């Protein structure tokens, strides 16, 4: 029997792996140390492996963009140099929303206040119902594109710049890569016009966000369906029954069914980057870059 995740559980393994091509661990996406220890990497479900196409989109005049301001509530993300990521992400998403609306797109945010999209189970931070709720919202509304907005953080204050994550394992991998490239290039271009030479940190493939030996875990918000087994939860001291398991049947996550990318807008722990994040014209420049990338992506997609 196959069970699908209720909003009481989503297992996400999001700590940077050796596949990051030299990138430092993005603290805006980290979990507490040790949280994922002992987890066995799981292959995607059969439908994803067999190349199942995304769900058909409803016919509508205006494209729907889902903007996902990362974190919220007690999940702060990165915080340094007068910038708190959860608040910065939301304010940036609202800027991008306004620009997209002005250019003829419909926009849906996964959160509009300082709260998570769904409550977590106290004391068990690997249960990420919040991330599943964001994905479910985008799927329910049959969004055309999903953009998760973050800023980075590092233990090395010298690290700075823009990076974008995508997933090459999905059936719409080519679109994911195109979106990620446009986000990076348009944001960097707008920052140059603003007068700041942000570092180009590159594009990163989230299908290998964390690596254990020769096996990889995907970045959950962008990755394919993931199977979680009772023994994995119990091995880490979790209550499988409380998380919705029925007997020994595994639980499967519900992945996003539209192209998507996650953009890291500068590094909060770098003084120069943080100064841009605190500056209204600098923030508006990045918002213009994100909006321009999305509009260009949608136009190319519509044109085939």
Protein backbone atom coordinates (compact mmCIF):
# COMPACT_ATOMS: atom_id res chain seq x y z
CA UNK A 1 0.00 0.00 0.00
CA UNK A 2 1.30 3.48 -0.86
CA UNK A 3 0.52 6.38 1.43
CA UNK A 4 0.99 10.02 0.53
CA UNK A 5 2.19 12.63 2.94
CA UNK A 6 -0.34 14.40 5.12
CA UNK A 7 0.62 17.90 6.17
CA UNK A 8 1.90 16.35 9.39
CA UNK A 9 5.04 15.07 7.71
CA UNK A 10 7.56 15.85 5.13
CA UNK A 11 11.08 14.59 5.34
CA UNK A 12 13.55 17.00 3.89
CA UNK A 13 17.26 16.55 3.75
CA UNK A 14 18.73 19.93 2.91
CA UNK A 15 22.37 20.35 3.75
CA UNK A 16 24.87 21.12 1.03
CA UNK A 17 26.75 18.19 -0.44
CA UNK A 18 30.02 17.72 -2.26
CA UNK A 19 28.02 18.17 -5.48
CA UNK A 20 27.88 21.89 -4.78
CA UNK A 21 30.88 22.56 -6.96
CA UNK A 22 32.77 24.36 -4.23
CA UNK A 23 29.89 26.44 -2.94
CA UNK A 24 29.78 27.03 0.78
CA UNK A 25 26.89 25.55 2.74
CA UNK A 26 23.93 27.91 2.31
CA UNK A 27 22.91 28.54 5.91
CA UNK A 28 19.56 29.86 4.74
CA UNK A 29 18.75 26.23 3.87
CA UNK A 30 20.53 24.39 6.67
CA UNK A 31 19.01 22.15 9.30
CA UNK A 32 20.40 21.75 12.81
CA UNK A 33 23.55 19.58 12.97
CA UNK A 34 22.91 15.86 13.18
CA UNK A 35 19.30 16.06 12.13
CA UNK A 36 19.75 13.92 9.04
CA UNK A 37 22.34 11.53 10.45
CA UNK A 38 21.71 7.90 9.55
CA UNK A 39 19.14 8.57 6.85
CA UNK A 40 19.18 6.10 3.97
CA UNK A 41 18.92 7.84 0.55
CA UNK A 42 15.75 6.77 -1.28
CA UNK A 43 15.18 6.48 -5.01
CA UNK A 44 12.31 8.55 -6.52
CA UNK A 45 8.97 6.79 -6.95
CA UNK A 46 8.38 4.83 -10.14
CA UNK A 47 6.33 7.50 -11.93
CA UNK A 48 9.17 10.00 -11.64
CA UNK A 49 11.78 7.49 -12.82
CA UNK A 50 9.63 6.64 -15.86
CA UNK A 51 9.50 10.26 -16.99
CA UNK A 52 5.92 11.10 -16.08
CA UNK A 53 5.00 14.43 -17.64
CA UNK A 54 3.83 17.35 -15.49
CA UNK A 55 0.10 17.71 -14.99
CA UNK A 56 -1.74 19.54 -17.76
CA UNK A 57 -2.16 23.28 -17.12
CA UNK A 58 -5.60 24.91 -17.30
CA UNK A 59 -6.14 27.20 -20.27
CA UNK A 60 -6.01 30.80 -19.04
CA UNK A 61 -5.01 34.17 -20.43
CA UNK A 62 -2.62 35.10 -17.62
CA UNK A 63 0.17 32.85 -16.40
CA UNK A 64 0.32 32.02 -12.69
CA UNK A 65 3.60 32.51 -10.86
CA UNK A 66 4.09 31.11 -7.35
CA UNK A 67 6.63 33.05 -5.30
CA UNK A 68 7.92 31.28 -2.22
CA UNK A 69 9.47 33.58 0.42
CA UNK A 70 11.72 31.13 2.27
CA UNK A 71 11.41 30.45 6.00
CA UNK A 72 9.03 32.32 8.34
CA UNK A 73 7.87 32.16 11.94
CA UNK A 74 10.46 30.57 14.22
CA UNK A 75 12.54 29.56 11.19
CA UNK A 76 14.63 32.69 10.71
CA UNK A 77 17.09 31.56 8.05
CA UNK A 78 20.27 33.62 8.03
CA UNK A 79 20.62 36.77 10.11
CA UNK A 80 23.57 39.19 10.23
CA UNK A 81 24.58 42.77 9.48
CA UNK A 82 21.11 44.12 10.19
CA UNK A 83 19.34 41.73 7.80
CA UNK A 84 16.98 38.95 8.92
CA UNK A 85 16.41 36.54 6.08
CA UNK A 86 12.82 35.51 6.74
CA UNK A 87 11.70 39.16 6.68
CA UNK A 88 13.93 40.05 3.74
CA UNK A 89 12.58 37.12 1.70
CA UNK A 90 8.97 38.16 2.25
CA UNK A 91 9.57 41.82 1.48
CA UNK A 92 11.43 40.86 -1.69
CA UNK A 93 8.63 38.53 -2.79
CA UNK A 94 6.10 41.34 -2.37
CA UNK A 95 8.25 43.60 -4.56
CA UNK A 96 8.51 40.94 -7.24
CA UNK A 97 4.78 40.29 -7.04
CA UNK A 98 3.97 43.92 -7.79
CA UNK A 99 6.32 43.98 -10.78
CA UNK A 100 4.86 40.76 -12.18
CA UNK A 101 1.29 41.99 -11.77
CA UNK A 102 2.21 45.15 -13.67
CA UNK A 103 3.50 42.97 -16.51
CA UNK A 104 0.36 40.87 -16.82
CA UNK A 105 1.04 37.79 -14.71
CA UNK A 106 -1.02 36.42 -11.85
CA UNK A 107 0.94 35.83 -8.66
CA UNK A 108 0.44 33.65 -5.59
CA UNK A 109 2.69 33.83 -2.53
CA UNK A 110 3.18 30.81 -0.28
CA UNK A 111 3.09 33.15 2.72
CA UNK A 112 2.22 36.83 3.21
CA UNK A 113 3.02 37.17 6.89
CA UNK A 114 5.76 36.09 9.29
CA UNK A 115 4.46 32.56 9.60
CA UNK A 116 5.24 29.22 8.05
CA UNK A 117 2.90 27.73 5.50
CA UNK A 118 2.08 24.92 7.96
CA UNK A 119 2.88 24.07 11.55
CA UNK A 120 5.72 21.74 12.43
CA UNK A 121 5.66 18.92 14.94
CA UNK A 122 7.41 20.35 18.03
CA UNK A 123 10.75 18.79 18.83
CA UNK A 124 11.11 16.98 15.52
CA UNK A 125 12.52 19.37 12.98
CA UNK A 126 12.91 16.78 10.23
CA UNK A 127 9.10 16.81 9.87
CA UNK A 128 8.81 19.57 7.29
CA UNK A 129 5.09 19.94 6.67
CA UNK A 130 5.82 23.59 5.91
CA UNK A 131 7.71 22.81 2.71
CA UNK A 132 5.12 20.27 1.57
CA UNK A 133 2.36 22.83 2.14
CA UNK A 134 4.12 25.30 -0.14
CA UNK A 135 4.49 22.71 -2.88
CA UNK A 136 0.90 21.55 -2.45
CA UNK A 137 -0.34 25.12 -2.88
CA UNK A 138 1.52 25.53 -6.16
CA UNK A 139 0.25 22.17 -7.41
CA UNK A 140 -3.34 22.84 -6.36
CA UNK A 141 -3.42 26.13 -8.24
CA UNK A 142 -1.69 24.58 -11.30
CA UNK A 143 1.01 27.23 -11.29
CA UNK A 144 3.10 27.72 -14.41
CA UNK A 145 6.33 28.38 -12.54
CA UNK A 146 7.65 28.24 -8.96
CA UNK A 147 10.38 30.57 -7.64
CA UNK A 148 11.68 30.23 -4.09
CA UNK A 149 13.30 33.43 -2.81
CA UNK A 150 16.14 33.27 -0.27
CA UNK A 151 19.36 35.01 0.71
CA UNK A 152 22.43 33.07 1.71
CA UNK A 153 24.65 32.94 4.78
CA UNK A 154 28.11 31.56 5.46
CA UNK A 155 30.55 31.05 8.31
CA UNK A 156 33.06 32.77 6.00
CA UNK A 157 32.26 36.49 5.91
CA UNK A 158 34.26 36.81 2.70
CA UNK A 159 31.76 34.71 0.74
CA UNK A 160 29.39 36.85 -1.33
CA UNK A 161 27.24 36.85 -4.44
CA UNK A 162 24.27 35.40 -6.28
CA UNK A 163 23.60 31.71 -6.88
CA UNK A 164 20.60 29.80 -8.19
CA UNK A 165 19.52 26.18 -7.63
CA UNK A 166 17.57 23.96 -10.01
CA UNK A 167 16.99 20.19 -10.34
CA UNK A 168 18.21 18.28 -13.40
CA UNK A 169 16.43 15.04 -12.49
CA UNK A 170 12.90 16.26 -13.23
CA UNK A 171 11.03 15.63 -16.48
CA UNK A 172 11.10 19.40 -17.09
CA UNK A 173 14.82 19.70 -16.31
CA UNK A 174 15.55 21.82 -19.39
CA UNK A 175 13.00 24.39 -18.27
CA UNK A 176 14.40 24.34 -14.74
CA UNK A 177 17.87 25.12 -16.06
CA UNK A 178 16.61 27.87 -18.37
CA UNK A 179 14.74 29.52 -15.49
CA UNK A 180 17.75 29.29 -13.18
CA UNK A 181 20.03 30.80 -15.82
CA UNK A 182 17.65 33.68 -16.48
CA UNK A 183 17.28 34.42 -12.77
CA UNK A 184 21.02 34.57 -12.26
CA UNK A 185 21.76 36.67 -15.34
CA UNK A 186 18.92 39.16 -14.92
CA UNK A 187 19.58 39.75 -11.21
CA UNK A 188 23.31 40.20 -11.81
CA UNK A 189 22.54 42.57 -14.69
CA UNK A 190 20.19 44.71 -12.62
CA UNK A 191 22.74 44.88 -9.81
CA UNK A 192 25.36 46.09 -12.28
CA UNK A 193 22.98 48.82 -13.42
CA UNK A 194 22.44 49.73 -9.78
CA UNK A 195 26.21 50.01 -9.37
CA UNK A 196 27.13 46.84 -7.51
CA UNK A 197 29.34 44.16 -9.04
CA UNK A 198 27.87 41.11 -7.30
CA UNK A 199 29.85 37.90 -7.55
CA UNK A 200 28.44 35.30 -9.91
CA UNK A 201 28.49 32.12 -7.81
CA UNK A 202 26.88 30.09 -10.56
CA UNK A 203 24.11 27.54 -10.98
CA UNK A 204 23.84 24.50 -8.72
CA UNK A 205 22.03 21.24 -9.34
CA UNK A 206 19.77 20.44 -6.38
CA UNK A 207 19.45 16.76 -7.30
CA UNK A 208 22.64 16.24 -5.27
CA UNK A 209 22.12 18.80 -2.53
CA UNK A 210 23.50 16.43 0.10
CA UNK A 211 25.79 13.49 -0.52
CA UNK A 212 26.52 10.41 1.60
CA UNK A 213 29.13 8.20 0.03
CA UNK A 214 28.09 7.72 -3.57
CA UNK A 215 24.41 8.52 -2.96
CA UNK A 216 22.71 11.90 -3.24
CA UNK A 217 19.70 13.59 -1.66
CA UNK A 218 17.83 16.24 -3.64
CA UNK A 219 16.90 19.72 -2.52
CA UNK A 220 13.37 18.89 -1.45
CA UNK A 221 11.50 21.97 -2.61
CA UNK A 222 12.69 21.37 -6.20
CA UNK A 223 13.23 17.60 -6.27
CA UNK A 224 11.16 14.61 -7.28
CA UNK A 225 8.93 12.43 -5.10
CA UNK A 226 10.69 10.92 -2.11
CA UNK A 227 9.88 7.74 -0.20
CA UNK A 228 10.28 7.74 3.58
CA UNK A 229 10.17 4.54 5.62
CA UNK A 230 9.11 4.00 9.20
CA UNK A 231 12.51 2.66 10.20
CA UNK A 232 14.23 5.85 9.02
CA UNK A 233 12.08 7.92 11.36
CA UNK A 234 12.45 5.56 14.30
CA UNK A 235 16.22 5.35 13.80
CA UNK A 236 16.39 9.06 14.58
CA UNK A 237 14.06 8.81 17.55
CA UNK A 238 10.93 10.07 15.82
CA UNK A 239 7.36 8.90 16.46
CA UNK A 240 6.32 7.31 13.16
CA UNK A 241 2.70 6.86 14.24
CA UNK A 242 2.38 10.54 15.15
CA UNK A 243 3.78 11.44 11.74
CA UNK A 244 1.06 9.53 9.90
CA UNK A 245 2.62 6.13 9.17
CA UNK A 246 0.24 3.18 8.97
CA UNK A 247 2.01 -0.04 9.78
CA UNK A 248 5.14 -0.57 7.72
CA UNK A 249 3.80 1.16 4.60
CA UNK A 250 6.13 3.92 3.39
CA UNK A 251 5.01 7.50 2.92
CA UNK A 252 5.63 9.41 -0.32
CA UNK A 253 6.09 13.14 -0.66
CA UNK A 254 4.29 15.15 -3.32
CA UNK A 255 6.74 17.00 -5.58
CA UNK A 256 6.07 20.20 -7.48
CA UNK A 257 4.76 19.48 -10.98
CA UNK A 258 5.92 22.71 -12.63
CA UNK A 259 9.34 24.17 -13.48
CA UNK A 260 11.04 25.89 -10.59
CA UNK A 261 14.23 27.34 -9.16
CA UNK A 262 15.55 28.68 -5.87
CA UNK A 263 17.47 31.97 -5.98
CA UNK A 264 19.91 33.07 -3.28
CA UNK A 265 19.94 36.88 -3.39
CA UNK A 266 23.36 37.77 -1.99
CA UNK A 267 24.97 36.60 1.25
CA UNK A 268 23.74 38.25 4.42
CA UNK A 269 26.92 37.49 6.36
CA UNK A 270 29.01 39.52 3.90
CA UNK A 271 29.09 43.21 4.83
CA UNK A 272 29.00 44.52 1.25
CA UNK A 273 26.19 42.18 0.17
CA UNK A 274 24.22 43.00 3.31
CA UNK A 275 24.54 46.72 2.59
CA UNK A 276 22.80 46.14 -0.75
CA UNK A 277 20.10 44.09 0.96
CA UNK A 278 19.50 47.00 3.36
CA UNK A 279 19.29 49.54 0.55
CA UNK A 280 15.90 50.18 -1.06
CA UNK A 281 17.24 50.83 -4.58
CA UNK A 282 19.42 47.73 -4.31
CA UNK A 283 16.47 45.61 -3.30
CA UNK A 284 14.35 47.01 -6.10
CA UNK A 285 17.11 46.20 -8.58
CA UNK A 286 17.09 42.54 -7.52
CA UNK A 287 13.29 42.45 -7.61
CA UNK A 288 13.38 43.77 -11.18
CA UNK A 289 15.87 41.07 -12.09
CA UNK A 290 13.72 38.28 -10.68
CA UNK A 291 10.57 39.62 -12.35
CA UNK A 292 12.32 40.10 -15.70
CA UNK A 293 13.63 36.54 -15.60
CA UNK A 294 10.20 35.10 -14.87
CA UNK A 295 8.50 37.11 -17.62
CA UNK A 296 11.19 36.14 -20.13
CA UNK A 297 10.91 32.49 -19.10
CA UNK A 298 7.12 32.48 -19.48
CA UNK A 299 7.30 34.22 -22.86
CA UNK A 300 9.78 31.67 -24.20
CA UNK A 301 7.69 28.82 -22.82
CA UNK A 302 4.55 30.17 -24.49
CA UNK A 303 6.41 30.51 -27.77
CA UNK A 304 7.52 26.88 -27.66
